[in-house]
Amino acid sequence: MDHFWRWFLNAVIYGIFSRTFTYNDRRVVDGGVDAVALGTIGSGRWLSFIQTAFLQLNLLFMVLVLAGVGIYLLMGR
């Protein structure tokens, strides 16, 4: 009887269930975390390109907004 239970544990429990759960963990859980990490890396690279590429445009927009607020305050009084 002990030999049967040892075979049953090795073949069914450890062989089928453990292999299925390990596959699920590696493909679904780790795959989802890896996809989020790759998305974060990609968006960070894209945002850093946007930040450095349009620095002059950002400064121009800031100066125009400040000039508009200044004109608004001068004309309002």
Protein backbone atom coordinates (compact mmCIF):
# COMPACT_ATOMS: atom_id res chain seq x y z
CA MET A 1 0.00 0.00 0.00
CA ASP A 2 2.85 2.39 0.78
CA HIS A 3 4.40 1.76 -2.62
CA PHE A 4 1.10 2.59 -4.31
CA TRP A 5 0.73 5.88 -2.42
CA ARG A 6 4.34 6.82 -3.13
CA TRP A 7 3.78 6.09 -6.85
CA PHE A 8 0.48 8.00 -6.77
CA LEU A 9 2.10 11.05 -5.15
CA ASN A 10 5.02 11.05 -7.57
CA ALA A 11 2.99 10.39 -10.71
CA VAL A 12 -0.22 12.31 -10.13
CA ILE A 13 0.32 14.97 -7.49
CA TYR A 14 3.93 15.93 -8.19
CA GLY A 15 3.90 14.95 -11.85
CA ILE A 16 0.66 16.48 -13.11
CA PHE A 17 -0.47 19.14 -10.66
CA SER A 18 2.95 20.49 -9.83
CA ARG A 19 3.93 20.70 -13.49
CA THR A 20 0.63 22.42 -14.38
CA PHE A 21 0.90 24.95 -11.58
CA THR A 22 4.55 25.67 -12.37
CA TYR A 23 3.68 26.24 -16.04
CA ASN A 24 0.83 28.55 -15.04
CA ASP A 25 3.08 30.49 -12.68
CA ARG A 26 5.80 30.99 -15.28
CA ARG A 27 3.53 31.83 -18.21
CA VAL A 28 0.68 33.77 -16.62
CA VAL A 29 1.97 35.32 -13.40
CA ASP A 30 5.59 35.94 -14.41
CA GLY A 31 4.52 36.78 -17.96
CA GLY A 32 2.12 39.44 -16.71
CA VAL A 33 4.72 40.99 -14.45
CA ASP A 34 7.28 40.93 -17.26
CA ALA A 35 4.80 42.60 -19.64
CA VAL A 36 4.12 45.41 -17.14
CA ALA A 37 7.87 45.87 -16.61
CA LEU A 38 8.56 46.04 -20.34
CA GLY A 39 5.72 48.53 -20.77
CA THR A 40 7.16 50.69 -18.01
CA ILE A 41 10.62 50.60 -19.58
CA GLY A 42 9.24 51.43 -23.03
CA SER A 43 7.11 54.32 -21.81
CA GLY A 44 10.02 55.68 -19.77
CA ARG A 45 12.25 55.67 -22.84
CA TRP A 46 9.55 57.37 -24.89
CA LEU A 47 8.90 60.01 -22.24
CA SER A 48 12.62 60.72 -21.83
CA PHE A 49 12.87 61.22 -25.61
CA ILE A 50 9.91 63.61 -25.54
CA GLN A 51 11.37 65.53 -22.60
CA THR A 52 14.80 66.05 -24.15
CA ALA A 53 13.64 66.49 -27.72
CA PHE A 54 11.14 69.26 -27.07
CA LEU A 55 12.98 71.26 -24.41
CA GLN A 56 12.97 74.45 -26.47
CA LEU A 57 9.26 74.03 -27.18
CA ASN A 58 8.57 73.61 -23.47
CA LEU A 59 10.51 76.76 -22.66
CA LEU A 60 8.74 78.71 -25.42
CA PHE A 61 5.35 77.58 -24.14
CA MET A 62 6.27 78.58 -20.57
CA VAL A 63 7.42 82.06 -21.70
CA LEU A 64 4.25 82.55 -23.77
CA VAL A 65 2.02 81.55 -20.85
CA LEU A 66 3.87 83.88 -18.47
CA ALA A 67 3.65 86.72 -21.01
CA GLY A 68 -0.07 86.07 -21.45
CA VAL A 69 -0.66 86.12 -17.69
CA GLY A 70 1.38 89.34 -17.44
CA ILE A 71 -0.61 91.01 -20.23
CA TYR A 72 -3.86 89.83 -18.65
CA LEU A 73 -2.88 91.31 -15.28
CA LEU A 74 -1.73 94.61 -16.84
CA MET A 75 -4.86 95.01 -18.99
CA GLY A 76 -7.22 94.05 -16.18
CA ARG A 77 -6.21 97.00 -14.00
